[in-house]
Structures are given as structure tokens and as C-alpha cells.
Amino acid sequence: MKTQTKSSAAEIPNGSGAAAILAAGVGAFVLAVFDMAAEKVASIKHLMNFYNPTGPLSGVTTLAIVLWLACWLILDWRWRKKNVAIQRISTTALLLLVLSLLLTFPVLADVF
């Protein structure tokens, strides 16, 4: 007697999860770049000052969150019903996360 088994993992697309992973990496990197730009360029520092008591940090975090959400929504919309190369996307997201962490160290940020 032969039973048929289907792999349910093959039927479930991984695009939404991949979109969330990559968007997290992009969001972290954008936050680090905005922070570094607000520290180095006076005009950007002035533009990022959305709320005086917190200074430019208010604009840096607000814009980074908006871009993270936009990236997540767009990628999810495009990849929702697809299977994508999750290994490559995870590696890219991890690389962006590592770069964002490196950019937050003052010694490395001063190079730019």
C-alpha cells in the first residue's frame, strides 16, 4: 500500500518572510547612515531636527522607520506569492546589519 505525502513546506511561499528579513537589514543600515550624516553635515543635522528636545535623533529615527516600513511593504507586495532565494537574502540582510553596526562605532564613522 502506497501513501502519498506532500511536502507542505514546498507549497508555502517564503517571499513574505524574506521581505521582512531584508527590510530589517535595510532599516538598520539606513538608520546608521542617517545618523552618521546628521553627525557630519550641519544642514542635514538641521533638517533632521523634528523635535527640539531630542534634536536630530527625532528625524533620524522617524525617517529610518518610514523607509523600513516602505521597504517591507513594497518587498512583501512583490514577493508575497513567490519563493525567493532565502539564503542570498539572509546573507544580504546580515551584511547590511554588520555594516550598520560598524558605522555606529565612532572610530570607523570618523573615517567618513
N, C-alpha and C. Protein backbone atom coordinates (compact mmCIF):
# COMPACT_ATOMS: atom_id res chain seq x y z
N MET A 1 0.84 -1.17 0.00
CA MET A 1 0.00 0.00 0.00
C MET A 1 0.90 1.24 0.00
N LYS A 2 0.67 2.07 -0.94
CA LYS A 2 1.49 3.25 -1.11
C LYS A 2 0.71 4.49 -0.66
N THR A 3 1.33 5.28 0.20
CA THR A 3 0.69 6.52 0.63
C THR A 3 1.42 7.69 0.00
N GLN A 4 0.65 8.64 -0.35
CA GLN A 4 1.24 9.84 -0.94
C GLN A 4 1.37 10.90 0.14
N THR A 5 2.54 11.46 0.24
CA THR A 5 2.75 12.56 1.18
C THR A 5 3.22 13.77 0.38
N LYS A 6 2.66 14.87 0.73
CA LYS A 6 3.06 16.12 0.10
C LYS A 6 3.87 16.93 1.09
N SER A 7 4.87 17.54 0.60
CA SER A 7 5.66 18.42 1.44
C SER A 7 4.96 19.78 1.50
N SER A 8 4.42 20.09 2.66
CA SER A 8 3.69 21.35 2.78
C SER A 8 4.64 22.55 2.75
N ALA A 9 5.90 22.33 3.08
CA ALA A 9 6.86 23.44 3.05
C ALA A 9 7.09 23.92 1.63
N ALA A 10 6.99 23.02 0.65
CA ALA A 10 7.21 23.40 -0.74
C ALA A 10 6.04 24.22 -1.27
N GLU A 11 4.89 24.11 -0.65
CA GLU A 11 3.71 24.81 -1.12
C GLU A 11 3.58 26.21 -0.54
N ILE A 12 4.23 26.47 0.56
CA ILE A 12 4.11 27.77 1.21
C ILE A 12 5.21 28.69 0.69
N PRO A 13 4.84 29.80 0.06
CA PRO A 13 5.86 30.72 -0.44
C PRO A 13 6.61 31.40 0.71
N ASN A 14 7.89 31.66 0.49
CA ASN A 14 8.71 32.28 1.53
C ASN A 14 8.94 33.77 1.29
N GLY A 15 8.27 34.35 0.32
CA GLY A 15 8.51 35.74 -0.04
C GLY A 15 8.21 36.74 1.06
N SER A 16 7.13 36.54 1.81
CA SER A 16 6.79 37.49 2.88
C SER A 16 7.84 37.48 3.98
N GLY A 17 8.30 36.31 4.35
CA GLY A 17 9.35 36.21 5.36
C GLY A 17 10.66 36.81 4.88
N ALA A 18 10.99 36.56 3.62
CA ALA A 18 12.21 37.12 3.05
C ALA A 18 12.12 38.65 2.99
N ALA A 19 10.95 39.16 2.69
CA ALA A 19 10.75 40.61 2.65
C ALA A 19 10.99 41.22 4.02
N ALA A 20 10.50 40.57 5.07
CA ALA A 20 10.71 41.08 6.43
C ALA A 20 12.18 41.05 6.82
N ILE A 21 12.88 39.98 6.45
CA ILE A 21 14.30 39.85 6.79
C ILE A 21 15.12 40.92 6.08
N LEU A 22 14.91 41.08 4.78
CA LEU A 22 15.70 42.07 4.03
C LEU A 22 15.34 43.49 4.46
N ALA A 23 14.08 43.75 4.73
CA ALA A 23 13.69 45.08 5.17
C ALA A 23 14.32 45.43 6.52
N ALA A 24 14.48 44.46 7.39
CA ALA A 24 15.15 44.71 8.67
C ALA A 24 16.61 45.11 8.46
N GLY A 25 17.29 44.44 7.55
CA GLY A 25 18.67 44.81 7.24
C GLY A 25 18.77 46.20 6.62
N VAL A 26 17.86 46.49 5.71
CA VAL A 26 17.84 47.81 5.08
C VAL A 26 17.54 48.90 6.11
N GLY A 27 16.58 48.63 6.99
CA GLY A 27 16.22 49.61 8.02
C GLY A 27 17.37 49.92 8.96
N ALA A 28 18.10 48.89 9.37
CA ALA A 28 19.25 49.10 10.25
C ALA A 28 20.34 49.91 9.55
N PHE A 29 20.58 49.59 8.29
CA PHE A 29 21.62 50.30 7.54
C PHE A 29 21.23 51.76 7.31
N VAL A 30 19.98 52.00 6.96
CA VAL A 30 19.50 53.38 6.74
C VAL A 30 19.61 54.18 8.03
N LEU A 31 19.28 53.58 9.15
CA LEU A 31 19.40 54.26 10.44
C LEU A 31 20.84 54.69 10.70
N ALA A 32 21.79 53.79 10.45
CA ALA A 32 23.19 54.11 10.68
C ALA A 32 23.68 55.21 9.73
N VAL A 33 23.27 55.14 8.47
CA VAL A 33 23.71 56.15 7.50
C VAL A 33 23.12 57.52 7.83
N PHE A 34 21.82 57.54 8.18
CA PHE A 34 21.20 58.81 8.56
C PHE A 34 21.86 59.40 9.81
N ASP A 35 22.16 58.55 10.77
CA ASP A 35 22.80 59.03 11.99
C ASP A 35 24.17 59.62 11.70
N MET A 36 24.94 58.92 10.88
CA MET A 36 26.27 59.41 10.53
C MET A 36 26.17 60.72 9.74
N ALA A 37 25.21 60.80 8.82
CA ALA A 37 25.05 62.02 8.03
C ALA A 37 24.64 63.20 8.90
N ALA A 38 23.75 62.95 9.87
CA ALA A 38 23.32 64.03 10.76
C ALA A 38 24.45 64.49 11.67
N GLU A 39 25.37 63.61 11.97
CA GLU A 39 26.53 63.98 12.80
C GLU A 39 27.55 64.79 12.01
N LYS A 40 27.72 64.49 10.72
CA LYS A 40 28.79 65.07 9.93
C LYS A 40 28.40 66.34 9.18
N VAL A 41 27.14 66.44 8.75
CA VAL A 41 26.73 67.55 7.88
C VAL A 41 25.74 68.43 8.64
N ALA A 42 26.10 69.70 8.80
CA ALA A 42 25.28 70.62 9.59
C ALA A 42 23.89 70.83 8.99
N SER A 43 23.80 70.92 7.66
CA SER A 43 22.48 71.14 7.05
C SER A 43 21.56 69.93 7.23
N ILE A 44 22.11 68.73 7.17
CA ILE A 44 21.31 67.53 7.42
C ILE A 44 20.91 67.47 8.89
N LYS A 45 21.83 67.85 9.77
CA LYS A 45 21.51 67.88 11.20
C LYS A 45 20.34 68.80 11.47
N HIS A 46 20.33 69.95 10.80
CA HIS A 46 19.23 70.90 10.96
C HIS A 46 17.92 70.33 10.40
N LEU A 47 17.99 69.68 9.23
CA LEU A 47 16.79 69.10 8.61
C LEU A 47 16.21 67.95 9.43
N MET A 48 17.05 67.22 10.12
CA MET A 48 16.61 66.05 10.90
C MET A 48 16.03 66.44 12.26
N ASN A 49 16.12 67.68 12.62
CA ASN A 49 15.63 68.11 13.93
C ASN A 49 14.11 68.31 13.86
N PHE A 50 13.35 67.25 14.07
CA PHE A 50 11.89 67.31 14.04
C PHE A 50 11.31 67.78 15.38
N TYR A 51 12.04 67.55 16.45
CA TYR A 51 11.55 67.84 17.80
C TYR A 51 12.75 68.32 18.62
N ASN A 52 12.74 69.59 19.04
CA ASN A 52 13.91 70.21 19.66
C ASN A 52 14.48 69.47 20.88
N PRO A 53 13.67 68.97 21.82
CA PRO A 53 14.28 68.30 22.97
C PRO A 53 15.14 67.08 22.62
N THR A 54 14.84 66.39 21.53
CA THR A 54 15.66 65.23 21.17
C THR A 54 16.67 65.55 20.08
N GLY A 55 16.52 66.68 19.42
CA GLY A 55 17.48 67.07 18.39
C GLY A 55 17.32 66.25 17.11
N PRO A 56 18.42 66.05 16.38
CA PRO A 56 18.34 65.36 15.10
C PRO A 56 17.98 63.88 15.21
N LEU A 57 18.11 63.32 16.40
CA LEU A 57 17.74 61.91 16.58
C LEU A 57 16.27 61.67 16.24
N SER A 58 15.42 62.67 16.47
CA SER A 58 13.99 62.52 16.16
C SER A 58 13.77 62.31 14.66
N GLY A 59 14.46 63.05 13.84
CA GLY A 59 14.32 62.89 12.40
C GLY A 59 15.00 61.65 11.87
N VAL A 60 16.15 61.34 12.43
CA VAL A 60 16.89 60.16 12.01
C VAL A 60 16.04 58.91 12.20
N THR A 61 15.51 58.75 13.40
CA THR A 61 14.73 57.54 13.68
C THR A 61 13.39 57.54 12.93
N THR A 62 12.75 58.69 12.84
CA THR A 62 11.47 58.75 12.12
C THR A 62 11.64 58.38 10.66
N LEU A 63 12.62 58.98 9.99
CA LEU A 63 12.83 58.67 8.57
C LEU A 63 13.29 57.24 8.36
N ALA A 64 14.11 56.72 9.27
CA ALA A 64 14.56 55.33 9.14
C ALA A 64 13.38 54.37 9.28
N ILE A 65 12.48 54.65 10.20
CA ILE A 65 11.31 53.79 10.38
C ILE A 65 10.40 53.86 9.16
N VAL A 66 10.21 55.06 8.63
CA VAL A 66 9.36 55.21 7.44
C VAL A 66 9.95 54.43 6.26
N LEU A 67 11.26 54.54 6.05
CA LEU A 67 11.89 53.82 4.95
C LEU A 67 11.88 52.31 5.18
N TRP A 68 12.06 51.87 6.43
CA TRP A 68 11.99 50.44 6.75
C TRP A 68 10.60 49.90 6.42
N LEU A 69 9.56 50.60 6.86
CA LEU A 69 8.20 50.14 6.59
C LEU A 69 7.89 50.15 5.09
N ALA A 70 8.32 51.19 4.40
CA ALA A 70 8.09 51.27 2.95
C ALA A 70 8.79 50.12 2.23
N CYS A 71 10.02 49.85 2.61
CA CYS A 71 10.77 48.75 2.02
C CYS A 71 10.07 47.42 2.27
N TRP A 72 9.63 47.21 3.50
CA TRP A 72 8.95 45.98 3.87
C TRP A 72 7.65 45.81 3.07
N LEU A 73 6.86 46.87 3.00
CA LEU A 73 5.58 46.79 2.28
C LEU A 73 5.78 46.53 0.79
N ILE A 74 6.75 47.21 0.18
CA ILE A 74 6.99 47.04 -1.25
C ILE A 74 7.52 45.63 -1.55
N LEU A 75 8.49 45.18 -0.76
CA LEU A 75 9.03 43.84 -0.99
C LEU A 75 7.98 42.77 -0.74
N ASP A 76 7.18 42.94 0.30
CA ASP A 76 6.14 41.96 0.59
C ASP A 76 5.11 41.93 -0.54
N TRP A 77 4.74 43.08 -1.05
CA TRP A 77 3.79 43.15 -2.15
C TRP A 77 4.33 42.43 -3.39
N ARG A 78 5.63 42.59 -3.64
CA ARG A 78 6.23 41.96 -4.84
C ARG A 78 6.51 40.48 -4.66
N TRP A 79 6.87 40.05 -3.42
CA TRP A 79 7.30 38.66 -3.20
C TRP A 79 6.27 37.79 -2.49
N ARG A 80 5.12 38.31 -2.17
CA ARG A 80 4.14 37.61 -1.32
C ARG A 80 3.86 36.18 -1.78
N LYS A 81 3.67 35.96 -3.04
CA LYS A 81 3.28 34.64 -3.54
C LYS A 81 4.43 33.91 -4.24
N LYS A 82 5.65 34.30 -3.94
CA LYS A 82 6.82 33.72 -4.61
C LYS A 82 7.73 33.01 -3.62
N ASN A 83 8.50 32.09 -4.14
CA ASN A 83 9.61 31.51 -3.40
C ASN A 83 10.88 32.20 -3.90
N VAL A 84 11.59 32.81 -2.99
CA VAL A 84 12.79 33.55 -3.35
C VAL A 84 14.01 32.87 -2.73
N ALA A 85 15.18 33.28 -3.16
CA ALA A 85 16.44 32.71 -2.67
C ALA A 85 16.69 33.22 -1.25
N ILE A 86 16.17 32.52 -0.28
CA ILE A 86 16.22 32.98 1.11
C ILE A 86 17.65 33.04 1.64
N GLN A 87 18.52 32.16 1.19
CA GLN A 87 19.91 32.17 1.67
C GLN A 87 20.62 33.46 1.24
N ARG A 88 20.43 33.83 0.01
CA ARG A 88 21.07 35.06 -0.50
C ARG A 88 20.48 36.30 0.16
N ILE A 89 19.19 36.30 0.38
CA ILE A 89 18.54 37.44 1.03
C ILE A 89 18.97 37.55 2.48
N SER A 90 19.06 36.42 3.17
CA SER A 90 19.51 36.43 4.57
C SER A 90 20.96 36.90 4.68
N THR A 91 21.80 36.47 3.75
CA THR A 91 23.20 36.90 3.75
C THR A 91 23.30 38.41 3.51
N THR A 92 22.51 38.91 2.58
CA THR A 92 22.50 40.35 2.31
C THR A 92 22.03 41.14 3.52
N ALA A 93 20.96 40.66 4.17
CA ALA A 93 20.45 41.34 5.36
C ALA A 93 21.47 41.32 6.48
N LEU A 94 22.16 40.20 6.66
CA LEU A 94 23.19 40.11 7.70
C LEU A 94 24.35 41.05 7.39
N LEU A 95 24.74 41.14 6.13
CA LEU A 95 25.81 42.06 5.74
C LEU A 95 25.41 43.51 6.02
N LEU A 96 24.17 43.87 5.70
CA LEU A 96 23.70 45.23 5.98
C LEU A 96 23.67 45.50 7.48
N LEU A 97 23.28 44.51 8.27
CA LEU A 97 23.27 44.67 9.72
C LEU A 97 24.68 44.87 10.27
N VAL A 98 25.62 44.09 9.80
CA VAL A 98 27.01 44.23 10.25
C VAL A 98 27.57 45.59 9.85
N LEU A 99 27.30 46.02 8.62
CA LEU A 99 27.76 47.34 8.18
C LEU A 99 27.14 48.45 9.03
N SER A 100 25.88 48.30 9.37
CA SER A 100 25.24 49.33 10.20
C SER A 100 25.84 49.37 11.59
N LEU A 101 26.18 48.22 12.13
CA LEU A 101 26.83 48.21 13.45
C LEU A 101 28.22 48.83 13.38
N LEU A 102 28.95 48.54 12.32
CA LEU A 102 30.28 49.13 12.18
C LEU A 102 30.22 50.65 12.03
N LEU A 103 29.20 51.15 11.35
CA LEU A 103 29.07 52.59 11.15
C LEU A 103 28.72 53.33 12.43
N THR A 104 28.26 52.62 13.45
CA THR A 104 27.92 53.28 14.71
C THR A 104 29.13 53.45 15.62
N PHE A 105 30.23 52.80 15.32
CA PHE A 105 31.45 52.97 16.12
C PHE A 105 32.12 54.27 15.73
N PRO A 106 32.39 55.16 16.68
CA PRO A 106 32.98 56.47 16.35
C PRO A 106 34.28 56.38 15.59
N VAL A 107 35.12 55.41 15.88
CA VAL A 107 36.41 55.30 15.19
C VAL A 107 36.19 55.07 13.70
N LEU A 108 35.26 54.20 13.35
CA LEU A 108 35.00 53.93 11.94
C LEU A 108 34.17 55.03 11.28
N ALA A 109 33.27 55.62 12.04
CA ALA A 109 32.44 56.70 11.50
C ALA A 109 33.29 57.93 11.17
N ASP A 110 34.36 58.14 11.92
CA ASP A 110 35.23 59.29 11.65
C ASP A 110 36.00 59.16 10.36
N VAL A 111 36.12 57.95 9.83
CA VAL A 111 36.81 57.74 8.56
C VAL A 111 36.05 58.44 7.43
N PHE A 112 34.73 58.45 7.54
CA PHE A 112 33.89 59.08 6.51
C PHE A 112 33.73 60.49 6.86
